[in-house]
Amino acid sequence: MSAWIEMVSDEDASQELMEVLNLSRTPHGTVDNVMRIHSLRPNTMKGHVTLYRAALHDEANKIPMWFQETISSYVSMLNNCDYSLANHWKNAVHLMDSEQDAAKIEIALREKCPEKVFEGECLAMLEYAGKLTLNPGDMIEKDVEKLRNHGIDDGKILELNQIVGYFNYVNRLLNGLGVKTTGDTVGFYKD
């Protein structure tokens, strides 16, 4: 466990905290530091895990999982959040199933030039993600209209907005409390 504030271990957890820790467990049975950082306030951990699963792991989501992870990674790059980037870029690469494509995409995203590798719907979503991350006060209705002009329906626009919003939240949580991946299993969980 690694952060600038205390994180409570399973051994020292109250019954209330243990219930929320169990809700937050990964497929490996561990609790990643991104969730454990809430251990002094179990209700925020419960809210966080619920929001995370709704934004990225809801069966109703229509944005392909590899692209959800790419959006997540781009937002994390823009926010200089090494923790989220380490996890979600590894997931994106795994889901892309092409190291060569992933390498090209990573370079373009790090350069803040998604147009080098994306076009159409995907590029429009990444441009929206970039603007909402870096200049949220400059968002206008035309930003959403641009997405619609690329054939993106309002449901997918909402998904995109929630992914971007979630990662802006979590990047600030992690960076603001110095959370590191020490002790976590980083990346895609295999069944």
N, C-alpha and C. Protein backbone atom coordinates (compact mmCIF):
# COMPACT_ATOMS: atom_id res chain seq x y z
N MET A 1 0.85 -1.18 0.00
CA MET A 1 0.00 0.00 0.00
C MET A 1 0.89 1.24 0.00
N SER A 2 0.60 2.14 -0.89
CA SER A 2 1.46 3.31 -1.00
C SER A 2 0.64 4.55 -1.33
N ALA A 3 0.65 5.51 -0.39
CA ALA A 3 -0.05 6.79 -0.58
C ALA A 3 0.45 7.75 0.49
N TRP A 4 0.04 8.99 0.36
CA TRP A 4 0.45 10.00 1.32
C TRP A 4 -0.42 10.03 2.57
N ILE A 5 -1.55 9.32 2.55
CA ILE A 5 -2.38 9.20 3.75
C ILE A 5 -2.51 7.73 4.11
N GLU A 6 -2.97 7.47 5.30
CA GLU A 6 -3.14 6.11 5.80
C GLU A 6 -4.17 5.34 4.98
N MET A 7 -3.86 4.07 4.72
CA MET A 7 -4.83 3.15 4.14
C MET A 7 -4.93 1.96 5.09
N VAL A 8 -6.14 1.59 5.43
CA VAL A 8 -6.39 0.53 6.41
C VAL A 8 -6.27 -0.83 5.74
N SER A 9 -5.52 -1.72 6.35
CA SER A 9 -5.36 -3.08 5.83
C SER A 9 -6.60 -3.92 6.13
N ASP A 10 -6.74 -5.03 5.45
CA ASP A 10 -7.85 -5.95 5.74
C ASP A 10 -7.82 -6.39 7.20
N GLU A 11 -6.62 -6.62 7.71
CA GLU A 11 -6.47 -7.11 9.08
C GLU A 11 -6.97 -6.09 10.11
N ASP A 12 -6.87 -4.82 9.80
CA ASP A 12 -7.27 -3.77 10.74
C ASP A 12 -8.65 -3.17 10.44
N ALA A 13 -9.34 -3.74 9.45
CA ALA A 13 -10.63 -3.18 9.00
C ALA A 13 -11.76 -3.50 9.96
N SER A 14 -12.62 -2.52 10.17
CA SER A 14 -13.86 -2.75 10.92
C SER A 14 -14.79 -3.61 10.07
N GLN A 15 -15.87 -4.06 10.67
CA GLN A 15 -16.84 -4.85 9.91
C GLN A 15 -17.44 -4.04 8.77
N GLU A 16 -17.76 -2.76 9.04
CA GLU A 16 -18.32 -1.88 8.00
C GLU A 16 -17.34 -1.73 6.84
N LEU A 17 -16.08 -1.46 7.15
CA LEU A 17 -15.08 -1.31 6.11
C LEU A 17 -14.88 -2.62 5.35
N MET A 18 -14.85 -3.73 6.06
CA MET A 18 -14.63 -5.03 5.41
C MET A 18 -15.73 -5.32 4.38
N GLU A 19 -16.95 -4.94 4.67
CA GLU A 19 -18.05 -5.15 3.71
C GLU A 19 -17.80 -4.37 2.42
N VAL A 20 -17.32 -3.14 2.55
CA VAL A 20 -17.05 -2.32 1.36
C VAL A 20 -15.78 -2.80 0.66
N LEU A 21 -14.78 -3.23 1.42
CA LEU A 21 -13.57 -3.80 0.81
C LEU A 21 -13.95 -5.03 -0.03
N ASN A 22 -14.83 -5.85 0.49
CA ASN A 22 -15.25 -7.05 -0.24
C ASN A 22 -15.99 -6.69 -1.53
N LEU A 23 -16.78 -5.62 -1.49
CA LEU A 23 -17.46 -5.12 -2.69
C LEU A 23 -16.44 -4.64 -3.72
N SER A 24 -15.31 -4.14 -3.27
CA SER A 24 -14.30 -3.51 -4.13
C SER A 24 -13.23 -4.48 -4.63
N ARG A 25 -13.32 -5.73 -4.27
CA ARG A 25 -12.25 -6.68 -4.63
C ARG A 25 -12.18 -6.93 -6.14
N THR A 26 -10.97 -7.10 -6.61
CA THR A 26 -10.70 -7.44 -8.01
C THR A 26 -11.02 -8.92 -8.24
N PRO A 27 -10.99 -9.36 -9.49
CA PRO A 27 -11.16 -10.80 -9.73
C PRO A 27 -10.10 -11.66 -9.05
N HIS A 28 -8.95 -11.06 -8.68
CA HIS A 28 -7.91 -11.79 -7.97
C HIS A 28 -8.14 -11.82 -6.46
N GLY A 29 -9.18 -11.12 -6.00
CA GLY A 29 -9.48 -11.10 -4.57
C GLY A 29 -8.75 -10.01 -3.81
N THR A 30 -8.06 -9.13 -4.51
CA THR A 30 -7.34 -8.05 -3.85
C THR A 30 -8.14 -6.74 -3.96
N VAL A 31 -7.72 -5.75 -3.20
CA VAL A 31 -8.31 -4.42 -3.29
C VAL A 31 -7.20 -3.48 -3.75
N ASP A 32 -7.37 -2.92 -4.95
CA ASP A 32 -6.36 -2.01 -5.48
C ASP A 32 -6.32 -0.73 -4.66
N ASN A 33 -5.16 -0.08 -4.68
CA ASN A 33 -4.97 1.15 -3.92
C ASN A 33 -5.94 2.26 -4.32
N VAL A 34 -6.39 2.26 -5.58
CA VAL A 34 -7.35 3.27 -6.03
C VAL A 34 -8.64 3.21 -5.20
N MET A 35 -8.99 2.03 -4.71
CA MET A 35 -10.16 1.89 -3.84
C MET A 35 -9.76 1.96 -2.37
N ARG A 36 -8.67 1.32 -2.02
CA ARG A 36 -8.26 1.27 -0.61
C ARG A 36 -7.96 2.67 -0.07
N ILE A 37 -7.62 3.63 -0.93
CA ILE A 37 -7.34 4.97 -0.46
C ILE A 37 -8.54 5.57 0.28
N HIS A 38 -9.72 5.03 0.03
CA HIS A 38 -10.95 5.50 0.71
C HIS A 38 -11.18 4.82 2.05
N SER A 39 -10.26 3.99 2.50
CA SER A 39 -10.54 3.12 3.66
C SER A 39 -10.86 3.88 4.94
N LEU A 40 -10.46 5.12 5.05
CA LEU A 40 -10.83 5.91 6.24
C LEU A 40 -12.27 6.43 6.15
N ARG A 41 -12.87 6.36 4.96
CA ARG A 41 -14.26 6.79 4.73
C ARG A 41 -14.93 5.77 3.80
N PRO A 42 -15.40 4.65 4.35
CA PRO A 42 -15.95 3.57 3.53
C PRO A 42 -17.07 4.00 2.57
N ASN A 43 -17.85 5.01 2.94
CA ASN A 43 -18.93 5.41 2.04
C ASN A 43 -18.41 5.99 0.73
N THR A 44 -17.26 6.68 0.77
CA THR A 44 -16.73 7.18 -0.51
C THR A 44 -16.18 6.03 -1.35
N MET A 45 -15.65 4.99 -0.69
CA MET A 45 -15.20 3.80 -1.44
C MET A 45 -16.39 3.13 -2.12
N LYS A 46 -17.47 3.00 -1.40
CA LYS A 46 -18.67 2.37 -1.97
C LYS A 46 -19.18 3.18 -3.17
N GLY A 47 -19.22 4.50 -3.03
CA GLY A 47 -19.64 5.34 -4.14
C GLY A 47 -18.69 5.24 -5.31
N HIS A 48 -17.39 5.19 -5.03
CA HIS A 48 -16.38 5.13 -6.08
C HIS A 48 -16.50 3.83 -6.87
N VAL A 49 -16.57 2.71 -6.19
CA VAL A 49 -16.63 1.43 -6.92
C VAL A 49 -17.91 1.34 -7.75
N THR A 50 -19.01 1.89 -7.24
CA THR A 50 -20.27 1.89 -7.99
C THR A 50 -20.15 2.75 -9.25
N LEU A 51 -19.58 3.95 -9.11
CA LEU A 51 -19.40 4.83 -10.26
C LEU A 51 -18.45 4.20 -11.28
N TYR A 52 -17.34 3.64 -10.84
CA TYR A 52 -16.37 3.00 -11.73
C TYR A 52 -17.03 1.90 -12.56
N ARG A 53 -17.75 1.04 -11.90
CA ARG A 53 -18.38 -0.07 -12.62
C ARG A 53 -19.46 0.41 -13.58
N ALA A 54 -20.18 1.45 -13.23
CA ALA A 54 -21.21 1.99 -14.12
C ALA A 54 -20.59 2.69 -15.33
N ALA A 55 -19.51 3.41 -15.11
CA ALA A 55 -18.88 4.16 -16.21
C ALA A 55 -18.14 3.25 -17.18
N LEU A 56 -17.51 2.19 -16.68
CA LEU A 56 -16.64 1.37 -17.53
C LEU A 56 -17.07 -0.07 -17.71
N HIS A 57 -17.90 -0.60 -16.88
CA HIS A 57 -18.18 -2.03 -16.95
C HIS A 57 -19.67 -2.37 -16.99
N ASP A 58 -20.47 -1.44 -17.44
CA ASP A 58 -21.91 -1.70 -17.53
C ASP A 58 -22.21 -2.42 -18.84
N GLU A 59 -23.00 -3.46 -18.77
CA GLU A 59 -23.33 -4.24 -19.97
C GLU A 59 -24.09 -3.43 -21.01
N ALA A 60 -24.72 -2.34 -20.61
CA ALA A 60 -25.48 -1.51 -21.55
C ALA A 60 -24.58 -0.58 -22.37
N ASN A 61 -23.32 -0.42 -21.95
CA ASN A 61 -22.41 0.48 -22.68
C ASN A 61 -22.22 0.01 -24.11
N LYS A 62 -22.17 0.95 -25.03
CA LYS A 62 -22.01 0.66 -26.46
C LYS A 62 -20.62 0.99 -27.00
N ILE A 63 -19.88 1.84 -26.32
CA ILE A 63 -18.52 2.13 -26.76
C ILE A 63 -17.70 0.86 -26.53
N PRO A 64 -16.98 0.39 -27.55
CA PRO A 64 -16.20 -0.84 -27.38
C PRO A 64 -15.22 -0.72 -26.21
N MET A 65 -15.03 -1.82 -25.51
CA MET A 65 -14.20 -1.82 -24.30
C MET A 65 -12.78 -1.32 -24.59
N TRP A 66 -12.19 -1.71 -25.71
CA TRP A 66 -10.83 -1.27 -26.01
C TRP A 66 -10.77 0.25 -26.13
N PHE A 67 -11.86 0.83 -26.68
CA PHE A 67 -11.86 2.28 -26.86
C PHE A 67 -12.21 2.99 -25.56
N GLN A 68 -13.02 2.38 -24.71
CA GLN A 68 -13.25 2.94 -23.37
C GLN A 68 -11.91 3.07 -22.64
N GLU A 69 -11.10 2.03 -22.74
CA GLU A 69 -9.79 2.03 -22.09
C GLU A 69 -8.84 3.03 -22.74
N THR A 70 -8.96 3.23 -24.05
CA THR A 70 -8.15 4.22 -24.75
C THR A 70 -8.53 5.63 -24.31
N ILE A 71 -9.83 5.91 -24.23
CA ILE A 71 -10.29 7.20 -23.73
C ILE A 71 -9.77 7.42 -22.30
N SER A 72 -9.92 6.41 -21.47
CA SER A 72 -9.45 6.49 -20.08
C SER A 72 -7.97 6.82 -20.03
N SER A 73 -7.21 6.18 -20.88
CA SER A 73 -5.76 6.40 -20.92
C SER A 73 -5.42 7.80 -21.40
N TYR A 74 -6.14 8.28 -22.41
CA TYR A 74 -5.88 9.62 -22.93
C TYR A 74 -6.15 10.68 -21.86
N VAL A 75 -7.26 10.56 -21.17
CA VAL A 75 -7.56 11.50 -20.08
C VAL A 75 -6.47 11.43 -19.02
N SER A 76 -6.03 10.23 -18.69
CA SER A 76 -4.99 10.06 -17.67
C SER A 76 -3.65 10.63 -18.14
N MET A 77 -3.35 10.52 -19.44
CA MET A 77 -2.14 11.16 -19.98
C MET A 77 -2.22 12.66 -19.84
N LEU A 78 -3.37 13.22 -20.23
CA LEU A 78 -3.55 14.68 -20.16
C LEU A 78 -3.44 15.19 -18.73
N ASN A 79 -3.83 14.36 -17.77
CA ASN A 79 -3.78 14.75 -16.35
C ASN A 79 -2.49 14.30 -15.66
N ASN A 80 -1.57 13.70 -16.42
CA ASN A 80 -0.31 13.19 -15.83
C ASN A 80 -0.57 12.27 -14.65
N CYS A 81 -1.52 11.36 -14.82
CA CYS A 81 -1.84 10.42 -13.75
C CYS A 81 -1.24 9.05 -14.08
N ASP A 82 -0.06 8.81 -13.54
CA ASP A 82 0.66 7.57 -13.83
C ASP A 82 -0.10 6.33 -13.36
N TYR A 83 -0.81 6.44 -12.24
CA TYR A 83 -1.53 5.29 -11.69
C TYR A 83 -2.59 4.81 -12.68
N SER A 84 -3.50 5.68 -13.07
CA SER A 84 -4.57 5.28 -13.99
C SER A 84 -4.01 4.87 -15.34
N LEU A 85 -3.02 5.59 -15.80
CA LEU A 85 -2.43 5.27 -17.09
C LEU A 85 -1.80 3.87 -17.08
N ALA A 86 -1.09 3.54 -16.03
CA ALA A 86 -0.45 2.22 -15.95
C ALA A 86 -1.49 1.11 -16.09
N ASN A 87 -2.59 1.26 -15.41
CA ASN A 87 -3.64 0.23 -15.44
C ASN A 87 -4.42 0.23 -16.75
N HIS A 88 -4.89 1.36 -17.15
CA HIS A 88 -5.85 1.39 -18.26
C HIS A 88 -5.18 1.32 -19.63
N TRP A 89 -3.96 1.79 -19.75
CA TRP A 89 -3.27 1.60 -21.03
C TRP A 89 -2.92 0.12 -21.22
N LYS A 90 -2.53 -0.54 -20.15
CA LYS A 90 -2.25 -1.98 -20.26
C LYS A 90 -3.53 -2.72 -20.68
N ASN A 91 -4.66 -2.31 -20.13
CA ASN A 91 -5.94 -2.91 -20.53
C ASN A 91 -6.22 -2.65 -22.00
N ALA A 92 -6.02 -1.41 -22.45
CA ALA A 92 -6.28 -1.04 -23.85
C ALA A 92 -5.42 -1.88 -24.79
N VAL A 93 -4.15 -1.99 -24.47
CA VAL A 93 -3.23 -2.76 -25.32
C VAL A 93 -3.69 -4.22 -25.39
N HIS A 94 -4.04 -4.77 -24.25
CA HIS A 94 -4.52 -6.16 -24.22
C HIS A 94 -5.76 -6.33 -25.10
N LEU A 95 -6.70 -5.41 -24.99
CA LEU A 95 -7.95 -5.52 -25.74
C LEU A 95 -7.78 -5.22 -27.23
N MET A 96 -6.79 -4.38 -27.58
CA MET A 96 -6.50 -4.12 -29.00
C MET A 96 -5.93 -5.35 -29.67
N ASP A 97 -5.18 -6.12 -28.93
CA ASP A 97 -4.57 -7.35 -29.43
C ASP A 97 -3.61 -7.08 -30.59
N SER A 98 -2.98 -5.90 -30.58
CA SER A 98 -1.98 -5.55 -31.59
C SER A 98 -0.98 -4.60 -30.96
N GLU A 99 0.18 -5.11 -30.60
CA GLU A 99 1.22 -4.29 -30.00
C GLU A 99 1.65 -3.16 -30.95
N GLN A 100 1.69 -3.46 -32.25
CA GLN A 100 2.12 -2.47 -33.23
C GLN A 100 1.13 -1.30 -33.30
N ASP A 101 -0.18 -1.61 -33.40
CA ASP A 101 -1.19 -0.55 -33.40
C ASP A 101 -1.16 0.23 -32.10
N ALA A 102 -1.03 -0.49 -30.99
CA ALA A 102 -1.01 0.16 -29.68
C ALA A 102 0.16 1.13 -29.57
N ALA A 103 1.30 0.76 -30.08
CA ALA A 103 2.48 1.63 -30.00
C ALA A 103 2.24 2.92 -30.78
N LYS A 104 1.66 2.83 -31.96
CA LYS A 104 1.36 4.02 -32.76
C LYS A 104 0.34 4.91 -32.05
N ILE A 105 -0.69 4.29 -31.49
CA ILE A 105 -1.73 5.04 -30.78
C ILE A 105 -1.13 5.73 -29.56
N GLU A 106 -0.30 5.03 -28.81
CA GLU A 106 0.30 5.63 -27.61
C GLU A 106 1.12 6.87 -27.96
N ILE A 107 1.92 6.78 -29.01
CA ILE A 107 2.73 7.93 -29.42
C ILE A 107 1.84 9.11 -29.77
N ALA A 108 0.80 8.87 -30.57
CA ALA A 108 -0.10 9.96 -30.98
C ALA A 108 -0.80 10.58 -29.78
N LEU A 109 -1.25 9.77 -28.84
CA LEU A 109 -1.94 10.30 -27.67
C LEU A 109 -0.99 11.08 -26.78
N ARG A 110 0.21 10.58 -26.59
CA ARG A 110 1.19 11.31 -25.76
C ARG A 110 1.55 12.66 -26.39
N GLU A 111 1.52 12.71 -27.72
CA GLU A 111 1.78 13.97 -28.43
C GLU A 111 0.54 14.87 -28.48
N LYS A 112 -0.55 14.40 -27.91
CA LYS A 112 -1.84 15.12 -27.95
C LYS A 112 -2.29 15.35 -29.39
N CYS A 113 -2.04 14.35 -30.21
CA CYS A 113 -2.39 14.41 -31.64
C CYS A 113 -3.14 13.13 -32.05
N PRO A 114 -4.33 12.90 -31.47
CA PRO A 114 -5.04 11.66 -31.82
C PRO A 114 -5.38 11.58 -33.31
N GLU A 115 -5.41 12.72 -33.99
CA GLU A 115 -5.73 12.74 -35.42
C GLU A 115 -4.68 12.00 -36.25
N LYS A 116 -3.52 11.71 -35.69
CA LYS A 116 -2.49 10.96 -36.41
C LYS A 116 -2.88 9.49 -36.61
N VAL A 117 -3.75 8.98 -35.75
CA VAL A 117 -4.10 7.56 -35.84
C VAL A 117 -5.60 7.29 -35.85
N PHE A 118 -6.40 8.29 -35.54
CA PHE A 118 -7.85 8.12 -35.49
C PHE A 118 -8.53 9.08 -36.44
N GLU A 119 -9.75 8.71 -36.84
CA GLU A 119 -10.59 9.59 -37.65
C GLU A 119 -12.04 9.32 -37.26
N GLY A 120 -12.93 10.07 -37.84
CA GLY A 120 -14.36 9.85 -37.67
C GLY A 120 -14.81 9.86 -36.22
N GLU A 121 -15.65 8.89 -35.89
CA GLU A 121 -16.25 8.79 -34.56
C GLU A 121 -15.21 8.74 -33.44
N CYS A 122 -14.19 7.91 -33.61
CA CYS A 122 -13.18 7.78 -32.55
C CYS A 122 -12.43 9.10 -32.33
N LEU A 123 -12.04 9.75 -33.41
CA LEU A 123 -11.34 11.03 -33.27
C LEU A 123 -12.24 12.07 -32.60
N ALA A 124 -13.50 12.13 -33.01
CA ALA A 124 -14.43 13.09 -32.40
C ALA A 124 -14.55 12.85 -30.90
N MET A 125 -14.61 11.59 -30.48
CA MET A 125 -14.72 11.29 -29.05
C MET A 125 -13.45 11.69 -28.30
N LEU A 126 -12.29 11.44 -28.89
CA LEU A 126 -11.05 11.82 -28.22
C LEU A 126 -10.88 13.34 -28.15
N GLU A 127 -11.32 14.05 -29.19
CA GLU A 127 -11.27 15.51 -29.14
C GLU A 127 -12.19 16.05 -28.06
N TYR A 128 -13.38 15.47 -27.93
CA TYR A 128 -14.30 15.86 -26.85
C TYR A 128 -13.64 15.59 -25.49
N ALA A 129 -13.04 14.40 -25.35
CA ALA A 129 -12.39 14.04 -24.08
C ALA A 129 -11.28 15.01 -23.74
N GLY A 130 -10.49 15.40 -24.75
CA GLY A 130 -9.40 16.33 -24.51
C GLY A 130 -9.89 17.69 -24.07
N LYS A 131 -10.90 18.20 -24.76
CA LYS A 131 -11.42 19.53 -24.41
C LYS A 131 -12.07 19.51 -23.02
N LEU A 132 -12.87 18.49 -22.74
CA LEU A 132 -13.53 18.42 -21.43
C LEU A 132 -12.51 18.28 -20.30
N THR A 133 -11.40 17.62 -20.57
CA THR A 133 -10.36 17.44 -19.56
C THR A 133 -9.57 18.72 -19.33
N LEU A 134 -9.14 19.34 -20.42
CA LEU A 134 -8.23 20.48 -20.31
C LEU A 134 -8.93 21.83 -20.19
N ASN A 135 -10.14 21.95 -20.76
CA ASN A 135 -10.84 23.23 -20.79
C ASN A 135 -12.34 23.04 -20.51
N PRO A 136 -12.69 22.50 -19.35
CA PRO A 136 -14.10 22.17 -19.11
C PRO A 136 -15.03 23.38 -19.16
N GLY A 137 -14.53 24.54 -18.81
CA GLY A 137 -15.36 25.74 -18.83
C GLY A 137 -15.64 26.27 -20.23
N ASP A 138 -14.94 25.73 -21.22
CA ASP A 138 -15.12 26.16 -22.60
C ASP A 138 -16.08 25.28 -23.39
N MET A 139 -16.64 24.27 -22.74
CA MET A 139 -17.55 23.36 -23.45
C MET A 139 -18.81 24.12 -23.89
N ILE A 140 -19.24 23.83 -25.12
CA ILE A 140 -20.45 24.45 -25.67
C ILE A 140 -21.29 23.37 -26.35
N GLU A 141 -22.52 23.70 -26.64
CA GLU A 141 -23.43 22.74 -27.25
C GLU A 141 -22.88 22.18 -28.56
N LYS A 142 -22.13 22.98 -29.30
CA LYS A 142 -21.56 22.52 -30.57
C LYS A 142 -20.60 21.35 -30.38
N ASP A 143 -20.02 21.21 -29.19
CA ASP A 143 -19.14 20.06 -28.92
C ASP A 143 -19.93 18.76 -28.96
N VAL A 144 -21.15 18.80 -28.46
CA VAL A 144 -22.03 17.62 -28.51
C VAL A 144 -22.58 17.44 -29.92
N GLU A 145 -22.92 18.54 -30.57
CA GLU A 145 -23.43 18.46 -31.95
C GLU A 145 -22.39 17.83 -32.87
N LYS A 146 -21.12 18.14 -32.64
CA LYS A 146 -20.05 17.54 -33.45
C LYS A 146 -20.05 16.02 -33.30
N LEU A 147 -20.28 15.54 -32.10
CA LEU A 147 -20.35 14.09 -31.88
C LEU A 147 -21.53 13.50 -32.65
N ARG A 148 -22.67 14.15 -32.55
CA ARG A 148 -23.85 13.68 -33.28
C ARG A 148 -23.60 13.66 -34.80
N ASN A 149 -22.89 14.66 -35.29
CA ASN A 149 -22.59 14.73 -36.73
C ASN A 149 -21.72 13.55 -37.19
N HIS A 150 -21.07 12.89 -36.25
CA HIS A 150 -20.28 11.70 -36.56
C HIS A 150 -21.08 10.42 -36.30
N GLY A 151 -22.38 10.57 -36.10
CA GLY A 151 -23.24 9.40 -35.92
C GLY A 151 -23.28 8.84 -34.52
N ILE A 152 -22.80 9.60 -33.56
CA ILE A 152 -22.78 9.13 -32.17
C ILE A 152 -24.09 9.54 -31.52
N ASP A 153 -24.84 8.55 -31.03
CA ASP A 153 -26.13 8.86 -30.42
C ASP A 153 -25.95 9.36 -28.99
N ASP A 154 -27.03 9.89 -28.45
CA ASP A 154 -26.97 10.52 -27.13
C ASP A 154 -26.56 9.54 -26.03
N GLY A 155 -26.92 8.27 -26.17
CA GLY A 155 -26.51 7.28 -25.18
C GLY A 155 -24.99 7.13 -25.14
N LYS A 156 -24.36 7.04 -26.32
CA LYS A 156 -22.90 6.93 -26.37
C LYS A 156 -22.24 8.24 -25.95
N ILE A 157 -22.89 9.37 -26.24
CA ILE A 157 -22.35 10.65 -25.78
C ILE A 157 -22.33 10.68 -24.25
N LEU A 158 -23.41 10.20 -23.64
CA LEU A 158 -23.44 10.14 -22.17
C LEU A 158 -22.36 9.20 -21.64
N GLU A 159 -22.19 8.02 -22.27
CA GLU A 159 -21.13 7.10 -21.84
C GLU A 159 -19.77 7.79 -21.90
N LEU A 160 -19.50 8.44 -23.03
CA LEU A 160 -18.23 9.15 -23.21
C LEU A 160 -18.05 10.19 -22.11
N ASN A 161 -19.07 11.00 -21.88
CA ASN A 161 -19.01 12.03 -20.85
C ASN A 161 -18.72 11.43 -19.48
N GLN A 162 -19.34 10.30 -19.17
CA GLN A 162 -19.14 9.69 -17.86
C GLN A 162 -17.75 9.10 -17.72
N ILE A 163 -17.21 8.51 -18.78
CA ILE A 163 -15.84 8.00 -18.73
C ILE A 163 -14.86 9.14 -18.50
N VAL A 164 -15.01 10.21 -19.27
CA VAL A 164 -14.13 11.37 -19.13
C VAL A 164 -14.28 11.98 -17.73
N GLY A 165 -15.51 12.17 -17.29
CA GLY A 165 -15.75 12.73 -15.96
C GLY A 165 -15.18 11.86 -14.86
N TYR A 166 -15.39 10.54 -14.98
CA TYR A 166 -14.88 9.62 -13.97
C TYR A 166 -13.36 9.72 -13.88
N PHE A 167 -12.68 9.69 -15.04
CA PHE A 167 -11.22 9.71 -14.99
C PHE A 167 -10.67 11.05 -14.54
N ASN A 168 -11.35 12.13 -14.84
CA ASN A 168 -10.91 13.41 -14.27
C ASN A 168 -11.04 13.39 -12.76
N TYR A 169 -12.11 12.79 -12.25
CA TYR A 169 -12.27 12.64 -10.80
C TYR A 169 -11.16 11.77 -10.22
N VAL A 170 -11.01 10.57 -10.76
CA VAL A 170 -10.08 9.62 -10.15
C VAL A 170 -8.63 10.07 -10.32
N ASN A 171 -8.29 10.70 -11.44
CA ASN A 171 -6.92 11.20 -11.61
C ASN A 171 -6.59 12.21 -10.53
N ARG A 172 -7.53 13.07 -10.20
CA ARG A 172 -7.29 14.07 -9.16
C ARG A 172 -7.22 13.42 -7.78
N LEU A 173 -8.04 12.42 -7.54
CA LEU A 173 -7.99 11.67 -6.29
C LEU A 173 -6.60 11.04 -6.12
N LEU A 174 -6.14 10.34 -7.15
CA LEU A 174 -4.88 9.61 -7.08
C LEU A 174 -3.68 10.56 -6.99
N ASN A 175 -3.65 11.57 -7.86
CA ASN A 175 -2.53 12.52 -7.83
C ASN A 175 -2.52 13.34 -6.55
N GLY A 176 -3.70 13.71 -6.07
CA GLY A 176 -3.80 14.55 -4.88
C GLY A 176 -3.42 13.85 -3.59
N LEU A 177 -3.47 12.51 -3.59
CA LEU A 177 -3.11 11.76 -2.38
C LEU A 177 -1.87 10.88 -2.58
N GLY A 178 -1.20 11.06 -3.72
CA GLY A 178 0.06 10.34 -3.95
C GLY A 178 -0.09 8.83 -4.02
N VAL A 179 -1.19 8.36 -4.57
CA VAL A 179 -1.43 6.92 -4.63
C VAL A 179 -0.56 6.29 -5.70
N LYS A 180 0.11 5.21 -5.35
CA LYS A 180 0.99 4.46 -6.26
C LYS A 180 0.43 3.05 -6.47
N THR A 181 0.93 2.39 -7.49
CA THR A 181 0.46 1.03 -7.81
C THR A 181 1.15 -0.04 -6.98
N THR A 182 2.03 0.33 -6.08
CA THR A 182 2.75 -0.63 -5.25
C THR A 182 1.77 -1.62 -4.58
N GLY A 183 1.96 -2.89 -4.86
CA GLY A 183 1.10 -3.93 -4.28
C GLY A 183 -0.10 -4.28 -5.11
N ASP A 184 -0.41 -3.49 -6.12
CA ASP A 184 -1.55 -3.78 -7.01
C ASP A 184 -1.15 -4.75 -8.11
N THR A 185 -2.13 -5.44 -8.66
CA THR A 185 -1.93 -6.18 -9.89
C THR A 185 -2.33 -5.22 -11.00
N VAL A 186 -1.35 -4.79 -11.80
CA VAL A 186 -1.58 -3.75 -12.79
C VAL A 186 -2.09 -4.36 -14.09
N GLY A 187 -3.18 -3.76 -14.61
CA GLY A 187 -3.68 -4.12 -15.93
C GLY A 187 -4.80 -5.12 -15.93
N PHE A 188 -5.00 -5.71 -17.09
CA PHE A 188 -6.15 -6.55 -17.40
C PHE A 188 -6.20 -7.79 -16.51
N TYR A 189 -7.38 -8.05 -15.96
CA TYR A 189 -7.57 -9.23 -15.13
C TYR A 189 -8.07 -10.37 -16.00
N LYS A 190 -7.32 -11.44 -16.03
CA LYS A 190 -7.72 -12.61 -16.80
C LYS A 190 -8.56 -13.50 -15.90
N ASP A 191 -9.63 -14.05 -16.47
CA ASP A 191 -10.49 -14.94 -15.69
C ASP A 191 -9.81 -16.26 -15.40
